[in-house]
C-alpha atoms as a PDB file:
ATOM      1  CA  MET A   1      10.894 -10.383 -25.049  1.00  0.00           C
ATOM      2  CA  ARG A   2      12.781 -11.460 -21.846  1.00  0.00           C
ATOM      3  CA  ILE A   3      15.862 -13.583 -22.203  1.00  0.00           C
ATOM      4  CA  LEU A   4      17.471 -15.311 -19.200  1.00  0.00           C
ATOM      5  CA  GLU A   5      20.794 -17.018 -19.045  1.00  0.00           C
ATOM      6  CA  TYR A   6      22.021 -19.562 -16.447  1.00  0.00           C
ATOM      7  CA  ILE A   7      25.469 -21.024 -16.045  1.00  0.00           C
ATOM      8  CA  ILE A   8      25.144 -24.745 -15.350  1.00  0.00           C
ATOM      9  CA  THR A   9      27.134 -25.849 -12.266  1.00  0.00           C
ATOM     10  CA  ASP A  10      28.418 -29.315 -11.354  1.00  0.00           C
ATOM     11  CA  GLU A  11      25.467 -29.694  -8.991  1.00  0.00           C
ATOM     12  CA  HIS A  12      23.073 -29.624 -12.032  1.00  0.00           C
ATOM     13  CA  ASP A  13      25.160 -31.667 -14.539  1.00  0.00           C
ATOM     14  CA  GLY A  14      22.881 -34.126 -16.211  1.00  0.00           C
ATOM     15  CA  LYS A  15      19.592 -32.793 -15.166  1.00  0.00           C
ATOM     16  CA  ARG A  16      16.854 -32.190 -17.624  1.00  0.00           C
ATOM     17  CA  ALA A  17      16.314 -28.605 -18.604  1.00  0.00           C
ATOM     18  CA  CYS A  18      12.768 -28.712 -17.422  1.00  0.00           C
ATOM     19  CA  ASP A  19      13.662 -30.063 -13.972  1.00  0.00           C
ATOM     20  CA  PHE A  20      16.414 -27.383 -13.513  1.00  0.00           C
ATOM     21  CA  LEU A  21      14.065 -24.579 -14.385  1.00  0.00           C
ATOM     22  CA  ARG A  22      11.184 -25.924 -12.347  1.00  0.00           C
ATOM     23  CA  ARG A  23      12.951 -26.826  -9.225  1.00  0.00           C
ATOM     24  CA  ASN A  24      15.840 -24.364  -9.115  1.00  0.00           C
ATOM     25  CA  GLU A  25      14.620 -21.265 -10.920  1.00  0.00           C
ATOM     26  CA  ASN A  26      10.959 -21.351  -9.827  1.00  0.00           C
ATOM     27  CA  PHE A  27       9.533 -21.624 -13.435  1.00  0.00           C
ATOM     28  CA  SER A  28       5.879 -22.522 -13.233  1.00  0.00           C
ATOM     29  CA  TYR A  29       4.553 -25.767 -14.665  1.00  0.00           C
ATOM     30  CA  ALA A  30       2.430 -23.637 -17.099  1.00  0.00           C
ATOM     31  CA  LEU A  31       5.562 -21.827 -18.395  1.00  0.00           C
ATOM     32  CA  ILE A  32       7.444 -25.175 -18.765  1.00  0.00           C
ATOM     33  CA  VAL A  33       4.636 -26.408 -20.923  1.00  0.00           C
ATOM     34  CA  LYS A  34       4.917 -23.196 -23.067  1.00  0.00           C
ATOM     35  CA  LEU A  35       8.617 -23.836 -23.496  1.00  0.00           C
ATOM     36  CA  ARG A  36       7.894 -27.390 -24.526  1.00  0.00           C
ATOM     37  CA  HIS A  37       5.600 -26.149 -27.371  1.00  0.00           C
ATOM     38  CA  SER A  38       8.068 -23.353 -28.308  1.00  0.00           C
ATOM     39  CA  PRO A  39      10.955 -25.107 -29.924  1.00  0.00           C
ATOM     40  CA  ASP A  40      12.968 -21.866 -30.344  1.00  0.00           C
ATOM     41  CA  SER A  41      12.824 -20.970 -26.633  1.00  0.00           C
ATOM     42  CA  LEU A  42      15.741 -22.956 -25.184  1.00  0.00           C
ATOM     43  CA  LYS A  43      19.427 -23.049 -26.173  1.00  0.00           C
ATOM     44  CA  LEU A  44      22.411 -24.807 -24.621  1.00  0.00           C
ATOM     45  CA  ASP A  45      25.626 -23.089 -25.647  1.00  0.00           C
ATOM     46  CA  GLY A  46      23.830 -21.566 -28.576  1.00  0.00           C
ATOM     47  CA  GLU A  47      22.231 -24.834 -29.814  1.00  0.00           C
ATOM     48  CA  PHE A  48      18.397 -25.303 -29.633  1.00  0.00           C
ATOM     49  CA  ILE A  49      17.370 -27.953 -27.192  1.00  0.00           C
ATOM     50  CA  ARG A  50      14.210 -29.537 -25.820  1.00  0.00           C
ATOM     51  CA  THR A  51      12.927 -29.246 -22.182  1.00  0.00           C
ATOM     52  CA  VAL A  52      13.732 -32.870 -21.622  1.00  0.00           C
ATOM     53  CA  ASP A  53      17.184 -32.650 -22.942  1.00  0.00           C
ATOM     54  CA  ARG A  54      20.268 -32.930 -20.378  1.00  0.00           C
ATOM     55  CA  LEU A  55      22.343 -30.105 -19.163  1.00  0.00           C
ATOM     56  CA  LYS A  56      26.084 -30.065 -18.946  1.00  0.00           C
ATOM     57  CA  ALA A  57      28.259 -28.487 -16.389  1.00  0.00           C
ATOM     58  CA  GLY A  58      29.936 -25.284 -17.494  1.00  0.00           C
ATOM     59  CA  SER A  59      27.314 -24.761 -20.330  1.00  0.00           C
ATOM     60  CA  VAL A  60      25.124 -21.812 -20.668  1.00  0.00           C
ATOM     61  CA  LEU A  61      21.447 -22.277 -20.809  1.00  0.00           C
ATOM     62  CA  THR A  62      19.468 -19.545 -22.473  1.00  0.00           C
ATOM     63  CA  VAL A  63      15.704 -19.234 -22.023  1.00  0.00           C
ATOM     64  CA  GLU A  64      13.517 -16.937 -24.121  1.00  0.00           C
ATOM     65  CA  ILE A  65      10.285 -16.425 -22.265  1.00  0.00           C
ATOM     66  CA  PRO A  66       7.349 -16.808 -24.685  1.00  0.00           C
ATOM     67  CA  GLU A  67       4.851 -13.969 -24.413  1.00  0.00           C
ATOM     68  CA  THR A  68       1.573 -12.962 -26.011  1.00  0.00           C
ATOM     69  CA  SER A  69      -0.157  -9.651 -25.706  1.00  0.00           C
ATOM     70  CA  GLY A  70      -3.145  -9.367 -23.338  1.00  0.00           C
ATOM     71  CA  GLY A  71      -5.625  -7.900 -25.806  1.00  0.00           C
ATOM     72  CA  ASP A  72      -6.381  -4.851 -23.849  1.00  0.00           C
ATOM     73  CA  GLU A  73      -7.033  -1.656 -25.761  1.00  0.00           C
ATOM     74  CA  PRO A  74      -3.856   0.653 -25.636  1.00  0.00           C
ATOM     75  CA  ASN A  75      -4.419   4.243 -24.283  1.00  0.00           C
ATOM     76  CA  PHE A  76      -1.480   6.435 -24.887  1.00  0.00           C
ATOM     77  CA  GLU A  77      -3.150   9.449 -23.099  1.00  0.00           C
ATOM     78  CA  LEU A  78      -2.888   8.026 -19.617  1.00  0.00           C
ATOM     79  CA  ASP A  79      -0.061   9.245 -17.366  1.00  0.00           C
ATOM     80  CA  ILE A  80       0.571   6.898 -14.512  1.00  0.00           C
ATOM     81  CA  PRO A  81       3.838   7.473 -12.482  1.00  0.00           C
ATOM     82  CA  LYS A  82       6.391   4.750 -12.108  1.00  0.00           C
ATOM     83  CA  LEU A  83       8.694   4.458  -9.211  1.00  0.00           C
ATOM     84  CA  TYR A  84      10.811   1.594 -10.511  1.00  0.00           C
ATOM     85  CA  GLU A  85      11.286  -0.551 -13.664  1.00  0.00           C
ATOM     86  CA  ASP A  86      13.674  -3.202 -14.863  1.00  0.00           C
ATOM     87  CA  ASP A  87      13.437  -6.079 -17.278  1.00  0.00           C
ATOM     88  CA  ASP A  88      11.004  -8.143 -15.049  1.00  0.00           C
ATOM     89  CA  ILE A  89       8.806  -5.665 -13.044  1.00  0.00           C
ATOM     90  CA  ILE A  90       7.383  -2.240 -12.808  1.00  0.00           C
ATOM     91  CA  VAL A  91       6.232  -0.483  -9.560  1.00  0.00           C
ATOM     92  CA  PHE A  92       3.585   2.137 -10.350  1.00  0.00           C
ATOM     93  CA  ASP A  93       2.347   4.838  -8.044  1.00  0.00           C
ATOM     94  CA  LYS A  94      -1.330   4.699  -9.125  1.00  0.00           C
ATOM     95  CA  PRO A  95      -3.488   7.749  -8.660  1.00  0.00           C
ATOM     96  CA  ALA A  96      -6.922   7.503  -7.085  1.00  0.00           C
ATOM     97  CA  GLY A  97      -9.629   7.114  -9.753  1.00  0.00           C
ATOM     98  CA  VAL A  98      -7.617   4.829 -12.005  1.00  0.00           C
ATOM     99  CA  PRO A  99      -8.833   1.192 -12.080  1.00  0.00           C
ATOM    100  CA  VAL A 100      -6.215  -1.555 -12.401  1.00  0.00           C
ATOM    101  CA  HIS A 101      -8.224  -3.845 -14.766  1.00  0.00           C
ATOM    102  CA  PRO A 102     -10.965  -3.064 -17.237  1.00  0.00           C
ATOM    103  CA  SER A 103     -14.499  -3.535 -16.223  1.00  0.00           C
ATOM    104  CA  LYS A 104     -17.907  -2.340 -17.137  1.00  0.00           C
ATOM    105  CA  GLY A 105     -17.697   1.458 -17.669  1.00  0.00           C
ATOM    106  CA  HIS A 106     -13.920   1.285 -17.533  1.00  0.00           C
ATOM    107  CA  GLN A 107     -12.754  -0.318 -20.759  1.00  0.00           C
ATOM    108  CA  THR A 108      -9.998   2.125 -21.743  1.00  0.00           C
ATOM    109  CA  ASP A 109      -8.940   4.224 -18.749  1.00  0.00           C
ATOM    110  CA  THR A 110      -7.067   1.579 -16.671  1.00  0.00           C
ATOM    111  CA  LEU A 111      -3.556   0.577 -15.725  1.00  0.00           C
ATOM    112  CA  ALA A 112      -3.941  -2.411 -18.035  1.00  0.00           C
ATOM    113  CA  ASN A 113      -4.687   0.041 -20.968  1.00  0.00           C
ATOM    114  CA  TYR A 114      -1.657   2.064 -20.125  1.00  0.00           C
ATOM    115  CA  CYS A 115       0.489  -1.140 -20.158  1.00  0.00           C
ATOM    116  CA  ALA A 116      -0.975  -2.165 -23.463  1.00  0.00           C
ATOM    117  CA  ALA A 117       0.118   1.150 -25.039  1.00  0.00           C
ATOM    118  CA  HIS A 118       3.701   1.077 -23.642  1.00  0.00           C
ATOM    119  CA  TYR A 119       4.395  -2.603 -23.434  1.00  0.00           C
ATOM    120  CA  PRO A 120       2.436  -4.009 -26.453  1.00  0.00           C
ATOM    121  CA  CYS A 121       4.191  -7.472 -26.563  1.00  0.00           C
ATOM    122  CA  SER A 122       3.513  -8.369 -22.940  1.00  0.00           C
ATOM    123  CA  LYS A 123       0.373  -9.672 -21.345  1.00  0.00           C
ATOM    124  CA  PHE A 124      -0.769  -7.418 -18.371  1.00  0.00           C
ATOM    125  CA  HIS A 125       0.311  -9.209 -15.037  1.00  0.00           C
ATOM    126  CA  ALA A 126      -0.819  -7.161 -12.006  1.00  0.00           C
ATOM    127  CA  ILE A 127       0.239  -8.728  -8.763  1.00  0.00           C
ATOM    128  CA  GLY A 128      -2.766  -8.156  -6.589  1.00  0.00           C
ATOM    129  CA  ARG A 129      -5.035  -5.284  -7.196  1.00  0.00           C
ATOM    130  CA  LEU A 130      -6.243  -1.979  -5.715  1.00  0.00           C
ATOM    131  CA  ASP A 131      -9.730  -0.576  -5.818  1.00  0.00           C
ATOM    132  CA  MET A 132     -10.122   2.227  -8.335  1.00  0.00           C
ATOM    133  CA  ASP A 133     -10.233   4.980  -5.627  1.00  0.00           C
ATOM    134  CA  THR A 134      -7.400   3.579  -3.536  1.00  0.00           C
ATOM    135  CA  SER A 135      -4.166   5.312  -4.503  1.00  0.00           C
ATOM    136  CA  GLY A 136      -0.550   4.047  -4.128  1.00  0.00           C
ATOM    137  CA  LEU A 137       1.818   1.213  -5.153  1.00  0.00           C
ATOM    138  CA  VAL A 138       0.962  -1.392  -7.625  1.00  0.00           C
ATOM    139  CA  LEU A 139       3.419  -4.190  -8.733  1.00  0.00           C
ATOM    140  CA  VAL A 140       3.238  -5.410 -12.360  1.00  0.00           C
ATOM    141  CA  ALA A 141       5.227  -8.254 -13.805  1.00  0.00           C
ATOM    142  CA  LYS A 142       6.580  -7.815 -17.288  1.00  0.00           C
ATOM    143  CA  ASN A 143       6.729 -11.332 -18.295  1.00  0.00           C
ATOM    144  CA  SER A 144       4.991 -14.660 -17.364  1.00  0.00           C
ATOM    145  CA  HIS A 145       8.069 -16.101 -15.379  1.00  0.00           C
ATOM    146  CA  ALA A 146       8.137 -13.014 -13.141  1.00  0.00           C
ATOM    147  CA  ALA A 147       4.271 -13.127 -12.733  1.00  0.00           C
ATOM    148  CA  ALA A 148       4.398 -16.873 -11.737  1.00  0.00           C
ATOM    149  CA  VAL A 149       7.071 -16.281  -9.062  1.00  0.00           C
ATOM    150  CA  LEU A 150       5.516 -13.153  -7.494  1.00  0.00           C
ATOM    151  CA  THR A 151       2.512 -13.713  -5.389  1.00  0.00           C
ATOM    152  CA  ASP A 152       0.261 -11.159  -3.646  1.00  0.00           C
ATOM    153  CA  ALA A 153       0.278 -13.207  -0.524  1.00  0.00           C
ATOM    154  CA  GLU A 154       3.998 -13.063  -0.175  1.00  0.00           C
ATOM    155  CA  MET A 155       4.277  -9.209  -0.529  1.00  0.00           C
ATOM    156  CA  GLU A 156       4.554  -7.074   2.560  1.00  0.00           C
ATOM    157  CA  LYS A 157       2.050  -4.302   2.187  1.00  0.00           C
ATOM    158  CA  GLU A 158       1.362  -1.212   4.346  1.00  0.00           C
ATOM    159  CA  TYR A 159      -1.498   1.352   3.821  1.00  0.00           C
ATOM    160  CA  ILE A 160      -2.280   4.739   5.208  1.00  0.00           C
ATOM    161  CA  ALA A 161      -5.884   5.145   6.170  1.00  0.00           C
ATOM    162  CA  VAL A 162      -7.826   8.122   7.394  1.00  0.00           C
ATOM    163  CA  ALA A 163     -10.892   6.983   9.506  1.00  0.00           C
ATOM    164  CA  GLU A 164     -13.778   8.790  11.170  1.00  0.00           C
ATOM    165  CA  GLY A 165     -14.466   8.907  14.893  1.00  0.00           C
ATOM    166  CA  GLU A 166     -12.365   7.863  17.795  1.00  0.00           C
ATOM    167  CA  PRO A 167     -10.153   4.788  17.551  1.00  0.00           C
ATOM    168  CA  VAL A 168     -11.110   1.859  19.710  1.00  0.00           C
ATOM    169  CA  ALA A 169      -7.425   1.373  20.519  1.00  0.00           C
ATOM    170  CA  MET A 170      -4.201   2.971  19.348  1.00  0.00           C
ATOM    171  CA  LEU A 171      -2.743  -0.291  18.314  1.00  0.00           C
ATOM    172  CA  GLY A 172      -4.652  -3.339  17.442  1.00  0.00           C
ATOM    173  CA  THR A 173      -5.757  -6.250  15.315  1.00  0.00           C
ATOM    174  CA  ILE A 174      -9.075  -6.620  13.654  1.00  0.00           C
ATOM    175  CA  LYS A 175      -9.914 -10.338  13.121  1.00  0.00           C
ATOM    176  CA  VAL A 176     -13.442 -10.894  11.740  1.00  0.00           C
ATOM    177  CA  PRO A 177     -14.395 -12.975   8.663  1.00  0.00           C
ATOM    178  CA  ILE A 178     -15.572 -11.356   5.493  1.00  0.00           C
ATOM    179  CA  ASP A 179     -18.077 -12.704   2.995  1.00  0.00           C
ATOM    180  CA  ASP A 180     -16.450 -11.930  -0.418  1.00  0.00           C
ATOM    181  CA  THR A 181     -17.441 -15.067  -2.189  1.00  0.00           C
ATOM    182  CA  ASN A 182     -19.725 -13.357  -4.708  1.00  0.00           C
ATOM    183  CA  PRO A 183     -17.439 -11.515  -7.269  1.00  0.00           C
ATOM    184  CA  GLU A 184     -20.428  -9.675  -8.637  1.00  0.00           C
ATOM    185  CA  ALA A 185     -21.401  -8.154  -5.230  1.00  0.00           C
ATOM    186  CA  HIS A 186     -20.184  -4.546  -4.902  1.00  0.00           C
ATOM    187  CA  ARG A 187     -20.405  -4.408  -1.093  1.00  0.00           C
ATOM    188  CA  ARG A 188     -18.828  -6.874   1.231  1.00  0.00           C
ATOM    189  CA  PHE A 189     -19.904  -7.902   4.721  1.00  0.00           C
ATOM    190  CA  VAL A 190     -18.627  -9.219   7.993  1.00  0.00           C
ATOM    191  CA  ALA A 191     -20.203 -12.639   8.288  1.00  0.00           C
ATOM    192  CA  ALA A 192     -19.684 -15.649  10.528  1.00  0.00           C
ATOM    193  CA  GLY A 193     -19.447 -17.995   7.631  1.00  0.00           C
ATOM    194  CA  GLY A 194     -17.115 -15.690   5.650  1.00  0.00           C
ATOM    195  CA  ARG A 195     -13.436 -16.178   4.851  1.00  0.00           C
ATOM    196  CA  ALA A 196     -10.838 -15.324   7.524  1.00  0.00           C
ATOM    197  CA  ALA A 197      -9.552 -11.816   7.500  1.00  0.00           C
ATOM    198  CA  VAL A 198      -6.962 -10.196   9.647  1.00  0.00           C
ATOM    199  CA  THR A 199      -5.926  -6.530   9.691  1.00  0.00           C
ATOM    200  CA  ASP A 200      -3.178  -4.961  11.939  1.00  0.00           C
ATOM    201  CA  TYR A 201      -3.267  -1.189  12.536  1.00  0.00           C
ATOM    202  CA  GLU A 202      -1.433   1.530  14.421  1.00  0.00           C
ATOM    203  CA  VAL A 203      -2.738   5.034  14.846  1.00  0.00           C
ATOM    204  CA  PHE A 204      -0.147   7.761  14.241  1.00  0.00           C
ATOM    205  CA  ALA A 205      -2.278  10.865  14.144  1.00  0.00           C
ATOM    206  CA  LYS A 206      -5.517  12.124  15.782  1.00  0.00           C
ATOM    207  CA  GLY A 207      -7.821  15.138  15.102  1.00  0.00           C
ATOM    208  CA  GLU A 208     -11.412  16.131  15.755  1.00  0.00           C
ATOM    209  CA  ASN A 209     -13.447  13.011  15.024  1.00  0.00           C
ATOM    210  CA  LEU A 210     -10.778  11.901  12.674  1.00  0.00           C
ATOM    211  CA  PHE A 211      -7.509   9.667  12.968  1.00  0.00           C
ATOM    212  CA  ALA A 212      -4.854   8.335  10.630  1.00  0.00           C
ATOM    213  CA  ALA A 213      -3.330   4.861  10.946  1.00  0.00           C
ATOM    214  CA  LEU A 214      -0.722   2.596   9.373  1.00  0.00           C
ATOM    215  CA  VAL A 215      -2.541  -0.444   8.272  1.00  0.00           C
ATOM    216  CA  ARG A 216      -1.031  -3.938   7.532  1.00  0.00           C
ATOM    217  CA  PRO A 217      -3.509  -6.434   6.113  1.00  0.00           C
ATOM    218  CA  LYS A 218      -2.452 -10.024   6.899  1.00  0.00           C
ATOM    219  CA  THR A 219      -4.982 -11.423   4.336  1.00  0.00           C
ATOM    220  CA  GLY A 220      -6.107 -10.150   1.099  1.00  0.00           C
ATOM    221  CA  ARG A 221      -9.996 -10.095   1.073  1.00  0.00           C
ATOM    222  CA  THR A 222     -11.794  -7.655  -1.216  1.00  0.00           C
ATOM    223  CA  HIS A 223     -12.373  -4.296   0.515  1.00  0.00           C
ATOM    224  CA  GLN A 224     -10.828  -5.789   3.603  1.00  0.00           C
ATOM    225  CA  ILE A 225      -9.592  -2.558   5.182  1.00  0.00           C
ATOM    226  CA  ARG A 226     -12.642  -0.673   4.334  1.00  0.00           C
ATOM    227  CA  VAL A 227     -14.975  -3.406   5.804  1.00  0.00           C
ATOM    228  CA  HIS A 228     -12.939  -3.934   8.947  1.00  0.00           C
ATOM    229  CA  PHE A 229     -12.657  -0.294   9.804  1.00  0.00           C
ATOM    230  CA  SER A 230     -16.419   0.164   9.270  1.00  0.00           C
ATOM    231  CA  PHE A 231     -17.057  -2.857  11.463  1.00  0.00           C
ATOM    232  CA  MET A 232     -14.916  -1.218  14.076  1.00  0.00           C
ATOM    233  CA  GLY A 233     -17.207   1.861  14.032  1.00  0.00           C
ATOM    234  CA  ASN A 234     -14.655   3.828  12.220  1.00  0.00           C
ATOM    235  CA  PRO A 235     -15.504   4.017   8.403  1.00  0.00           C
ATOM    236  CA  LEU A 236     -12.851   5.557   6.250  1.00  0.00           C
ATOM    237  CA  ALA A 237     -13.292   9.134   5.460  1.00  0.00           C
ATOM    238  CA  GLY A 238     -15.092   9.589   2.061  1.00  0.00           C
ATOM    239  CA  ASP A 239     -16.142   5.873   2.046  1.00  0.00           C
ATOM    240  CA  GLU A 240     -19.911   6.291   1.452  1.00  0.00           C
ATOM    241  CA  LEU A 241     -20.308   2.604   0.593  1.00  0.00           C
ATOM    242  CA  TYR A 242     -19.281   1.582   4.156  1.00  0.00           C
ATOM    243  CA  GLY A 243     -20.717   4.498   6.144  1.00  0.00           C
ATOM    244  CA  GLY A 244     -18.074   7.328   5.695  1.00  0.00           C
ATOM    245  CA  SER A 245     -18.800  10.897   4.837  1.00  0.00           C
ATOM    246  CA  ARG A 246     -17.551  12.836   1.792  1.00  0.00           C
ATOM    247  CA  THR A 247     -17.574  16.148   3.582  1.00  0.00           C
ATOM    248  CA  LEU A 248     -13.765  16.281   3.794  1.00  0.00           C
ATOM    249  CA  ILE A 249     -12.627  14.071   0.864  1.00  0.00           C
ATOM    250  CA  SER A 250     -14.386  12.926  -2.316  1.00  0.00           C
ATOM    251  CA  ARG A 251     -13.131   9.266  -2.243  1.00  0.00           C
ATOM    252  CA  HIS A 252     -12.188   6.691   0.484  1.00  0.00           C
ATOM    253  CA  ALA A 253      -9.100   7.745   2.239  1.00  0.00           C
ATOM    254  CA  LEU A 254      -6.827   4.847   1.663  1.00  0.00           C
ATOM    255  CA  HIS A 255      -3.350   4.792   0.227  1.00  0.00           C
ATOM    256  CA  ARG A 256      -0.973   1.911  -0.247  1.00  0.00           C
ATOM    257  CA  SER A 257       2.203   3.451   0.989  1.00  0.00           C
ATOM    258  CA  ARG A 258       4.775   0.525   1.107  1.00  0.00           C
ATOM    259  CA  LEU A 259       5.426  -2.654  -0.822  1.00  0.00           C
ATOM    260  CA  ALA A 260       8.224  -5.066  -0.060  1.00  0.00           C
ATOM    261  CA  PHE A 261       9.112  -8.346  -1.821  1.00  0.00           C
ATOM    262  CA  ALA A 262      11.786 -10.498  -3.298  1.00  0.00           C
ATOM    263  CA  HIS A 263      12.790  -9.834  -6.944  1.00  0.00           C
ATOM    264  CA  PRO A 264      11.370 -12.638  -9.115  1.00  0.00           C
ATOM    265  CA  VAL A 265      14.672 -13.345 -10.953  1.00  0.00           C
ATOM    266  CA  THR A 266      17.597 -12.208  -8.674  1.00  0.00           C
ATOM    267  CA  GLY A 267      15.889 -12.806  -5.302  1.00  0.00           C
ATOM    268  CA  GLU A 268      17.018  -9.326  -4.136  1.00  0.00           C
ATOM    269  CA  PRO A 269      14.872  -7.974  -1.360  1.00  0.00           C
ATOM    270  CA  LEU A 270      13.189  -4.781  -2.590  1.00  0.00           C
ATOM    271  CA  SER A 271      11.143  -2.164  -0.778  1.00  0.00           C
ATOM    272  CA  PHE A 272       9.174   0.873  -2.110  1.00  0.00           C
ATOM    273  CA  SER A 273       7.321   3.625  -0.396  1.00  0.00           C
ATOM    274  CA  SER A 274       4.973   6.340  -1.489  1.00  0.00           C
ATOM    275  CA  LYS A 275       3.688   9.459   0.263  1.00  0.00           C
ATOM    276  CA  PRO A 276      -0.080  10.036   0.559  1.00  0.00           C
ATOM    277  CA  PRO A 277      -1.455  12.227  -2.188  1.00  0.00           C
ATOM    278  CA  GLU A 278      -2.603  15.783  -1.589  1.00  0.00           C
ATOM    279  CA  ASP A 279      -6.230  15.004  -0.670  1.00  0.00           C
ATOM    280  CA  MET A 280      -5.248  12.742   2.043  1.00  0.00           C
ATOM    281  CA  GLN A 281      -2.324  14.724   3.212  1.00  0.00           C
ATOM    282  CA  ARG A 282      -4.673  17.680   3.778  1.00  0.00           C
ATOM    283  CA  LEU A 283      -6.651  15.596   6.263  1.00  0.00           C
ATOM    284  CA  ILE A 284      -3.525  14.368   8.005  1.00  0.00           C
ATOM    285  CA  ASP A 285      -2.323  17.976   8.334  1.00  0.00           C
ATOM    286  CA  ARG A 286      -5.517  18.693  10.390  1.00  0.00           C
ATOM    287  CA  MET A 287      -4.384  16.194  13.061  1.00  0.00           C
ATOM    288  CA  GLU A 288      -1.684  16.028  15.721  1.00  0.00           C
ATOM    289  CA  ILE A 289       1.017  13.549  14.982  1.00  0.00           C
ATOM    290  CA  LEU A 290       1.439  11.168  17.883  1.00  0.00           C
END
């Protein structure tokens, strides 16, 4: 259970608790409603109050974040590395082959199942998601307040991709729309009527019919990097779905290598990095670093 404390300054004297939390501490409307229906969640100087009660300068407001478990089946056998953890967030370094969320055929072997085992009182809040075979950094919020403050769109994300062929340019932006409106469709397409999608990339290594690039997606469409590189004529190595070959690697060669964001409670800027796993590093070692 996450407990937060706020010292009320003169500026917020007389404000309702709900207004202070909503406007000054970025509490979501949904969480305010939960607090309204959880009479033991708010205290002012140790005394229980309602969300509509007024605050007093110099007082301490204590908020107990109400949580419920997510209902995912716990799996204690999974081993998923963590780079960072505090009371509000976890940064995982997810291996390839591990899904983030349960789906058909993957009900018990996901990051959600790992969290259900190790954090049984918290609903699973992954901020954004990675494809099962994409390795790298995944941010998980440990409570509903952190989850509401953090958004996938506001995170800075960088990937390492290994693609086939010769790059069109060493530095560029791919800006073509993607049709990802059907959540049941496995494969996505570049389509004139699709949703806007923008991907920046910078080639940092080249080899025979192969190159490696730092990739910074500016939008968050499903399979965006894979679709864009395939459209460019450079499918990711191992990405059979979009035209790549599995001769050199058994999964699409994509790794989320960097995440940067503001901490949901303290506002502190945080940045995390992850080296590519062995299967991708072997491909990069075949190339000349530029």
